[in-house]
Amino acid sequence: MSQAANDKPPPSFEAALAELESIVQGMETGKLSLEESLAAYQRGAALLKHCQGALAAAEQKIQVLEAGQLQDLPRSEN
């Protein structure tokens, strides 16, 4: 994995999560060199931060929606 690829944010939360899972699987094999492990750890930490930020932003949007804009739907009579 090149340094330029490490600096580039993933296109979506799902892509970041998939890449993070791939990194974890690669590290769990124990076949990475020390340098590769450190680079993978660094990329994983950046992806984790990205995912946490995306989740926090989504949570804020949900809280805004729940703060008065959401209303119960009228029940239809059958």
PDB file of N, CA and C in Angstrom:
ATOM      1  N   MET A   1       0.863  -1.184   0.000  1.00  0.00           N
ATOM      2  CA  MET A   1       0.000   0.000   0.000  1.00  0.00           C
ATOM      3  C   MET A   1       0.898   1.233   0.000  1.00  0.00           C
ATOM      4  N   SER A   2       0.711   2.120  -0.923  1.00  0.00           N
ATOM      5  CA  SER A   2       1.549   3.300  -1.033  1.00  0.00           C
ATOM      6  C   SER A   2       1.142   4.361  -0.023  1.00  0.00           C
ATOM      7  N   GLN A   3       2.056   5.281   0.242  1.00  0.00           N
ATOM      8  CA  GLN A   3       1.772   6.370   1.181  1.00  0.00           C
ATOM      9  C   GLN A   3       0.642   7.246   0.666  1.00  0.00           C
ATOM     10  N   ALA A   4       0.581   7.458  -0.659  1.00  0.00           N
ATOM     11  CA  ALA A   4      -0.488   8.283  -1.228  1.00  0.00           C
ATOM     12  C   ALA A   4      -1.846   7.641  -0.983  1.00  0.00           C
ATOM     13  N   ALA A   5      -1.915   6.325  -1.091  1.00  0.00           N
ATOM     14  CA  ALA A   5      -3.177   5.626  -0.826  1.00  0.00           C
ATOM     15  C   ALA A   5      -3.552   5.748   0.641  1.00  0.00           C
ATOM     16  N   ASN A   6      -2.555   5.782   1.510  1.00  0.00           N
ATOM     17  CA  ASN A   6      -2.815   5.916   2.943  1.00  0.00           C
ATOM     18  C   ASN A   6      -3.397   7.270   3.297  1.00  0.00           C
ATOM     19  N   ASP A   7      -3.037   8.291   2.554  1.00  0.00           N
ATOM     20  CA  ASP A   7      -3.492   9.641   2.861  1.00  0.00           C
ATOM     21  C   ASP A   7      -4.879   9.932   2.307  1.00  0.00           C
ATOM     22  N   LYS A   8      -5.312   9.154   1.361  1.00  0.00           N
ATOM     23  CA  LYS A   8      -6.581   9.406   0.679  1.00  0.00           C
ATOM     24  C   LYS A   8      -7.745   8.887   1.525  1.00  0.00           C
ATOM     25  N   PRO A   9      -8.735   9.749   1.801  1.00  0.00           N
ATOM     26  CA  PRO A   9      -9.891   9.264   2.559  1.00  0.00           C
ATOM     27  C   PRO A   9     -10.733   8.330   1.702  1.00  0.00           C
ATOM     28  N   PRO A  10     -11.353   7.345   2.320  1.00  0.00           N
ATOM     29  CA  PRO A  10     -12.201   6.430   1.558  1.00  0.00           C
ATOM     30  C   PRO A  10     -13.432   7.151   1.021  1.00  0.00           C
ATOM     31  N   PRO A  11     -14.008   6.640  -0.068  1.00  0.00           N
ATOM     32  CA  PRO A  11     -15.155   7.317  -0.679  1.00  0.00           C
ATOM     33  C   PRO A  11     -16.436   7.233   0.151  1.00  0.00           C
ATOM     34  N   SER A  12     -16.514   6.256   1.053  1.00  0.00           N
ATOM     35  CA  SER A  12     -17.733   6.113   1.846  1.00  0.00           C
ATOM     36  C   SER A  12     -17.416   5.429   3.171  1.00  0.00           C
ATOM     37  N   PHE A  13     -18.371   5.489   4.087  1.00  0.00           N
ATOM     38  CA  PHE A  13     -18.235   4.790   5.364  1.00  0.00           C
ATOM     39  C   PHE A  13     -18.048   3.296   5.126  1.00  0.00           C
ATOM     40  N   GLU A  14     -18.859   2.747   4.223  1.00  0.00           N
ATOM     41  CA  GLU A  14     -18.803   1.316   3.945  1.00  0.00           C
ATOM     42  C   GLU A  14     -17.442   0.906   3.385  1.00  0.00           C
ATOM     43  N   ALA A  15     -16.878   1.733   2.511  1.00  0.00           N
ATOM     44  CA  ALA A  15     -15.561   1.442   1.944  1.00  0.00           C
ATOM     45  C   ALA A  15     -14.490   1.500   3.024  1.00  0.00           C
ATOM     46  N   ALA A  16     -14.595   2.475   3.920  1.00  0.00           N
ATOM     47  CA  ALA A  16     -13.633   2.595   5.012  1.00  0.00           C
ATOM     48  C   ALA A  16     -13.716   1.384   5.930  1.00  0.00           C
ATOM     49  N   LEU A  17     -14.924   0.964   6.247  1.00  0.00           N
ATOM     50  CA  LEU A  17     -15.120  -0.188   7.122  1.00  0.00           C
ATOM     51  C   LEU A  17     -14.576  -1.461   6.472  1.00  0.00           C
ATOM     52  N   ALA A  18     -14.823  -1.633   5.179  1.00  0.00           N
ATOM     53  CA  ALA A  18     -14.317  -2.807   4.465  1.00  0.00           C
ATOM     54  C   ALA A  18     -12.788  -2.815   4.453  1.00  0.00           C
ATOM     55  N   GLU A  19     -12.190  -1.654   4.223  1.00  0.00           N
ATOM     56  CA  GLU A  19     -10.724  -1.575   4.221  1.00  0.00           C
ATOM     57  C   GLU A  19     -10.175  -1.852   5.610  1.00  0.00           C
ATOM     58  N   LEU A  20     -10.833  -1.337   6.626  1.00  0.00           N
ATOM     59  CA  LEU A  20     -10.404  -1.573   8.002  1.00  0.00           C
ATOM     60  C   LEU A  20     -10.472  -3.065   8.341  1.00  0.00           C
ATOM     61  N   GLU A  21     -11.545  -3.722   7.939  1.00  0.00           N
ATOM     62  CA  GLU A  21     -11.676  -5.163   8.175  1.00  0.00           C
ATOM     63  C   GLU A  21     -10.572  -5.937   7.456  1.00  0.00           C
ATOM     64  N   SER A  22     -10.236  -5.510   6.253  1.00  0.00           N
ATOM     65  CA  SER A  22      -9.170  -6.156   5.491  1.00  0.00           C
ATOM     66  C   SER A  22      -7.821  -5.991   6.189  1.00  0.00           C
ATOM     67  N   ILE A  23      -7.579  -4.804   6.720  1.00  0.00           N
ATOM     68  CA  ILE A  23      -6.332  -4.541   7.438  1.00  0.00           C
ATOM     69  C   ILE A  23      -6.240  -5.430   8.673  1.00  0.00           C
ATOM     70  N   VAL A  24      -7.322  -5.525   9.416  1.00  0.00           N
ATOM     71  CA  VAL A  24      -7.335  -6.354  10.628  1.00  0.00           C
ATOM     72  C   VAL A  24      -7.044  -7.811  10.265  1.00  0.00           C
ATOM     73  N   GLN A  25      -7.695  -8.309   9.222  1.00  0.00           N
ATOM     74  CA  GLN A  25      -7.457  -9.693   8.798  1.00  0.00           C
ATOM     75  C   GLN A  25      -5.996  -9.903   8.407  1.00  0.00           C
ATOM     76  N   GLY A  26      -5.436  -8.949   7.691  1.00  0.00           N
ATOM     77  CA  GLY A  26      -4.037  -9.050   7.291  1.00  0.00           C
ATOM     78  C   GLY A  26      -3.091  -9.055   8.478  1.00  0.00           C
ATOM     79  N   MET A  27      -3.386  -8.228   9.462  1.00  0.00           N
ATOM     80  CA  MET A  27      -2.531  -8.167  10.641  1.00  0.00           C
ATOM     81  C   MET A  27      -2.675  -9.426  11.492  1.00  0.00           C
ATOM     82  N   GLU A  28      -3.867  -9.995  11.522  1.00  0.00           N
ATOM     83  CA  GLU A  28      -4.095 -11.193  12.328  1.00  0.00           C
ATOM     84  C   GLU A  28      -3.362 -12.415  11.781  1.00  0.00           C
ATOM     85  N   THR A  29      -3.001 -12.398  10.511  1.00  0.00           N
ATOM     86  CA  THR A  29      -2.277 -13.537   9.945  1.00  0.00           C
ATOM     87  C   THR A  29      -0.871 -13.637  10.517  1.00  0.00           C
ATOM     88  N   GLY A  30      -0.323 -12.504  10.938  1.00  0.00           N
ATOM     89  CA  GLY A  30       1.030 -12.508  11.479  1.00  0.00           C
ATOM     90  C   GLY A  30       2.102 -12.597  10.407  1.00  0.00           C
ATOM     91  N   LYS A  31       1.729 -12.432   9.161  1.00  0.00           N
ATOM     92  CA  LYS A  31       2.683 -12.574   8.060  1.00  0.00           C
ATOM     93  C   LYS A  31       3.265 -11.246   7.593  1.00  0.00           C
ATOM     94  N   LEU A  32       2.839 -10.146   8.189  1.00  0.00           N
ATOM     95  CA  LEU A  32       3.351  -8.836   7.790  1.00  0.00           C
ATOM     96  C   LEU A  32       4.678  -8.565   8.490  1.00  0.00           C
ATOM     97  N   SER A  33       5.553  -7.872   7.790  1.00  0.00           N
ATOM     98  CA  SER A  33       6.799  -7.443   8.421  1.00  0.00           C
ATOM     99  C   SER A  33       6.485  -6.350   9.443  1.00  0.00           C
ATOM    100  N   LEU A  34       7.466  -5.999  10.228  1.00  0.00           N
ATOM    101  CA  LEU A  34       7.274  -4.945  11.226  1.00  0.00           C
ATOM    102  C   LEU A  34       6.868  -3.639  10.551  1.00  0.00           C
ATOM    103  N   GLU A  35       7.557  -3.282   9.471  1.00  0.00           N
ATOM    104  CA  GLU A  35       7.234  -2.037   8.764  1.00  0.00           C
ATOM    105  C   GLU A  35       5.834  -2.080   8.171  1.00  0.00           C
ATOM    106  N   GLU A  36       5.457  -3.224   7.594  1.00  0.00           N
ATOM    107  CA  GLU A  36       4.115  -3.370   7.034  1.00  0.00           C
ATOM    108  C   GLU A  36       3.055  -3.299   8.133  1.00  0.00           C
ATOM    109  N   SER A  37       3.354  -3.902   9.268  1.00  0.00           N
ATOM    110  CA  SER A  37       2.419  -3.870  10.398  1.00  0.00           C
ATOM    111  C   SER A  37       2.218  -2.450  10.905  1.00  0.00           C
ATOM    112  N   LEU A  38       3.306  -1.699  10.998  1.00  0.00           N
ATOM    113  CA  LEU A  38       3.196  -0.313  11.458  1.00  0.00           C
ATOM    114  C   LEU A  38       2.398   0.533  10.475  1.00  0.00           C
ATOM    115  N   ALA A  39       2.646   0.339   9.182  1.00  0.00           N
ATOM    116  CA  ALA A  39       1.898   1.087   8.163  1.00  0.00           C
ATOM    117  C   ALA A  39       0.421   0.697   8.199  1.00  0.00           C
ATOM    118  N   ALA A  40       0.144  -0.592   8.364  1.00  0.00           N
ATOM    119  CA  ALA A  40      -1.243  -1.055   8.434  1.00  0.00           C
ATOM    120  C   ALA A  40      -1.926  -0.494   9.675  1.00  0.00           C
ATOM    121  N   TYR A  41      -1.216  -0.472  10.789  1.00  0.00           N
ATOM    122  CA  TYR A  41      -1.779   0.078  12.022  1.00  0.00           C
ATOM    123  C   TYR A  41      -2.100   1.557  11.849  1.00  0.00           C
ATOM    124  N   GLN A  42      -1.181   2.287  11.238  1.00  0.00           N
ATOM    125  CA  GLN A  42      -1.385   3.721  11.018  1.00  0.00           C
ATOM    126  C   GLN A  42      -2.595   3.961  10.120  1.00  0.00           C
ATOM    127  N   ARG A  43      -2.711   3.199   9.042  1.00  0.00           N
ATOM    128  CA  ARG A  43      -3.860   3.347   8.139  1.00  0.00           C
ATOM    129  C   ARG A  43      -5.146   2.948   8.861  1.00  0.00           C
ATOM    130  N   GLY A  44      -5.088   1.880   9.638  1.00  0.00           N
ATOM    131  CA  GLY A  44      -6.256   1.438  10.392  1.00  0.00           C
ATOM    132  C   GLY A  44      -6.723   2.494  11.379  1.00  0.00           C
ATOM    133  N   ALA A  45      -5.782   3.144  12.047  1.00  0.00           N
ATOM    134  CA  ALA A  45      -6.141   4.198  12.997  1.00  0.00           C
ATOM    135  C   ALA A  45      -6.814   5.363  12.278  1.00  0.00           C
ATOM    136  N   ALA A  46      -6.309   5.714  11.092  1.00  0.00           N
ATOM    137  CA  ALA A  46      -6.918   6.803  10.315  1.00  0.00           C
ATOM    138  C   ALA A  46      -8.322   6.414   9.847  1.00  0.00           C
ATOM    139  N   LEU A  47      -8.487   5.169   9.422  1.00  0.00           N
ATOM    140  CA  LEU A  47      -9.807   4.701   8.986  1.00  0.00           C
ATOM    141  C   LEU A  47     -10.787   4.668  10.149  1.00  0.00           C
ATOM    142  N   LEU A  48     -10.310   4.238  11.305  1.00  0.00           N
ATOM    143  CA  LEU A  48     -11.165   4.210  12.492  1.00  0.00           C
ATOM    144  C   LEU A  48     -11.641   5.615  12.838  1.00  0.00           C
ATOM    145  N   LYS A  49     -10.731   6.574  12.783  1.00  0.00           N
ATOM    146  CA  LYS A  49     -11.097   7.966  13.062  1.00  0.00           C
ATOM    147  C   LYS A  49     -12.131   8.464  12.049  1.00  0.00           C
ATOM    148  N   HIS A  50     -11.945   8.113  10.786  1.00  0.00           N
ATOM    149  CA  HIS A  50     -12.892   8.497   9.726  1.00  0.00           C
ATOM    150  C   HIS A  50     -14.268   7.897  10.004  1.00  0.00           C
ATOM    151  N   CYS A  51     -14.300   6.605  10.340  1.00  0.00           N
ATOM    152  CA  CYS A  51     -15.573   5.926  10.606  1.00  0.00           C
ATOM    153  C   CYS A  51     -16.267   6.522  11.828  1.00  0.00           C
ATOM    154  N   GLN A  52     -15.507   6.788  12.874  1.00  0.00           N
ATOM    155  CA  GLN A  52     -16.098   7.383  14.072  1.00  0.00           C
ATOM    156  C   GLN A  52     -16.671   8.761  13.769  1.00  0.00           C
ATOM    157  N   GLY A  53     -15.980   9.535  12.944  1.00  0.00           N
ATOM    158  CA  GLY A  53     -16.486  10.849  12.552  1.00  0.00           C
ATOM    159  C   GLY A  53     -17.762  10.748  11.735  1.00  0.00           C
ATOM    160  N   ALA A  54     -17.798   9.783  10.822  1.00  0.00           N
ATOM    161  CA  ALA A  54     -19.003   9.588  10.004  1.00  0.00           C
ATOM    162  C   ALA A  54     -20.182   9.161  10.869  1.00  0.00           C
ATOM    163  N   LEU A  55     -19.933   8.279  11.825  1.00  0.00           N
ATOM    164  CA  LEU A  55     -21.003   7.841  12.724  1.00  0.00           C
ATOM    165  C   LEU A  55     -21.487   8.984  13.612  1.00  0.00           C
ATOM    166  N   ALA A  56     -20.557   9.802  14.093  1.00  0.00           N
ATOM    167  CA  ALA A  56     -20.937  10.945  14.929  1.00  0.00           C
ATOM    168  C   ALA A  56     -21.785  11.935  14.131  1.00  0.00           C
ATOM    169  N   ALA A  57     -21.416  12.171  12.874  1.00  0.00           N
ATOM    170  CA  ALA A  57     -22.192  13.083  12.027  1.00  0.00           C
ATOM    171  C   ALA A  57     -23.591  12.525  11.775  1.00  0.00           C
ATOM    172  N   ALA A  58     -23.677  11.229  11.534  1.00  0.00           N
ATOM    173  CA  ALA A  58     -24.988  10.601  11.319  1.00  0.00           C
ATOM    174  C   ALA A  58     -25.839  10.686  12.584  1.00  0.00           C
ATOM    175  N   GLU A  59     -25.208  10.474  13.726  1.00  0.00           N
ATOM    176  CA  GLU A  59     -25.942  10.563  14.995  1.00  0.00           C
ATOM    177  C   GLU A  59     -26.476  11.975  15.225  1.00  0.00           C
ATOM    178  N   GLN A  60     -25.676  12.983  14.893  1.00  0.00           N
ATOM    179  CA  GLN A  60     -26.132  14.370  15.034  1.00  0.00           C
ATOM    180  C   GLN A  60     -27.328  14.646  14.130  1.00  0.00           C
ATOM    181  N   LYS A  61     -27.286  14.147  12.903  1.00  0.00           N
ATOM    182  CA  LYS A  61     -28.406  14.347  11.985  1.00  0.00           C
ATOM    183  C   LYS A  61     -29.672  13.690  12.522  1.00  0.00           C
ATOM    184  N   ILE A  62     -29.529  12.502  13.082  1.00  0.00           N
ATOM    185  CA  ILE A  62     -30.683  11.803  13.652  1.00  0.00           C
ATOM    186  C   ILE A  62     -31.244  12.582  14.831  1.00  0.00           C
ATOM    187  N   GLN A  63     -30.373  13.115  15.678  1.00  0.00           N
ATOM    188  CA  GLN A  63     -30.836  13.894  16.829  1.00  0.00           C
ATOM    189  C   GLN A  63     -31.588  15.138  16.380  1.00  0.00           C
ATOM    190  N   VAL A  64     -31.131  15.783  15.320  1.00  0.00           N
ATOM    191  CA  VAL A  64     -31.823  16.960  14.791  1.00  0.00           C
ATOM    192  C   VAL A  64     -33.207  16.557  14.294  1.00  0.00           C
ATOM    193  N   LEU A  65     -33.273  15.446  13.593  1.00  0.00           N
ATOM    194  CA  LEU A  65     -34.563  14.979  13.087  1.00  0.00           C
ATOM    195  C   LEU A  65     -35.513  14.616  14.221  1.00  0.00           C
ATOM    196  N   GLU A  66     -34.989  14.014  15.260  1.00  0.00           N
ATOM    197  CA  GLU A  66     -35.829  13.598  16.378  1.00  0.00           C
ATOM    198  C   GLU A  66     -36.223  14.761  17.284  1.00  0.00           C
ATOM    199  N   ALA A  67     -35.583  15.893  17.130  1.00  0.00           N
ATOM    200  CA  ALA A  67     -35.816  17.026  18.020  1.00  0.00           C
ATOM    201  C   ALA A  67     -37.064  17.813  17.657  1.00  0.00           C
ATOM    202  N   GLY A  68     -37.987  17.203  16.995  1.00  0.00           N
ATOM    203  CA  GLY A  68     -39.225  17.898  16.718  1.00  0.00           C
ATOM    204  C   GLY A  68     -39.703  17.796  15.293  1.00  0.00           C
ATOM    205  N   GLN A  69     -38.873  17.325  14.420  1.00  0.00           N
ATOM    206  CA  GLN A  69     -39.291  17.239  13.035  1.00  0.00           C
ATOM    207  C   GLN A  69     -39.969  15.911  12.721  1.00  0.00           C
ATOM    208  N   LEU A  70     -39.725  14.905  13.544  1.00  0.00           N
ATOM    209  CA  LEU A  70     -40.370  13.620  13.313  1.00  0.00           C
ATOM    210  C   LEU A  70     -41.707  13.588  14.029  1.00  0.00           C
ATOM    211  N   GLN A  71     -42.702  13.130  13.359  1.00  0.00           N
ATOM    212  CA  GLN A  71     -44.026  13.014  13.960  1.00  0.00           C
ATOM    213  C   GLN A  71     -44.587  11.651  13.614  1.00  0.00           C
ATOM    214  N   ASP A  72     -45.458  11.164  14.481  1.00  0.00           N
ATOM    215  CA  ASP A  72     -46.096   9.882  14.220  1.00  0.00           C
ATOM    216  C   ASP A  72     -46.938   9.973  12.959  1.00  0.00           C
ATOM    217  N   LEU A  73     -46.926   8.925  12.190  1.00  0.00           N
ATOM    218  CA  LEU A  73     -47.765   8.861  10.998  1.00  0.00           C
ATOM    219  C   LEU A  73     -49.199   8.570  11.422  1.00  0.00           C
ATOM    220  N   PRO A  74     -50.149   9.179  10.760  1.00  0.00           N
ATOM    221  CA  PRO A  74     -51.543   8.871  11.100  1.00  0.00           C
ATOM    222  C   PRO A  74     -51.846   7.420  10.752  1.00  0.00           C
ATOM    223  N   ARG A  75     -52.597   6.782  11.615  1.00  0.00           N
ATOM    224  CA  ARG A  75     -52.954   5.382  11.374  1.00  0.00           C
ATOM    225  C   ARG A  75     -54.088   5.314  10.368  1.00  0.00           C
ATOM    226  N   SER A  76     -53.943   4.423   9.442  1.00  0.00           N
ATOM    227  CA  SER A  76     -55.014   4.248   8.456  1.00  0.00           C
ATOM    228  C   SER A  76     -56.039   3.270   9.017  1.00  0.00           C
ATOM    229  N   GLU A  77     -57.270   3.540   8.711  1.00  0.00           N
ATOM    230  CA  GLU A  77     -58.336   2.659   9.178  1.00  0.00           C
ATOM    231  C   GLU A  77     -58.537   1.565   8.152  1.00  0.00           C
ATOM    232  N   ASN A  78     -58.556   0.345   8.616  1.00  0.00           N
ATOM    233  CA  ASN A  78     -58.730  -0.803   7.713  1.00  0.00           C
ATOM    234  C   ASN A  78     -60.152  -1.236   7.660  1.00  0.00           C
TER     235      ASN A  78
END
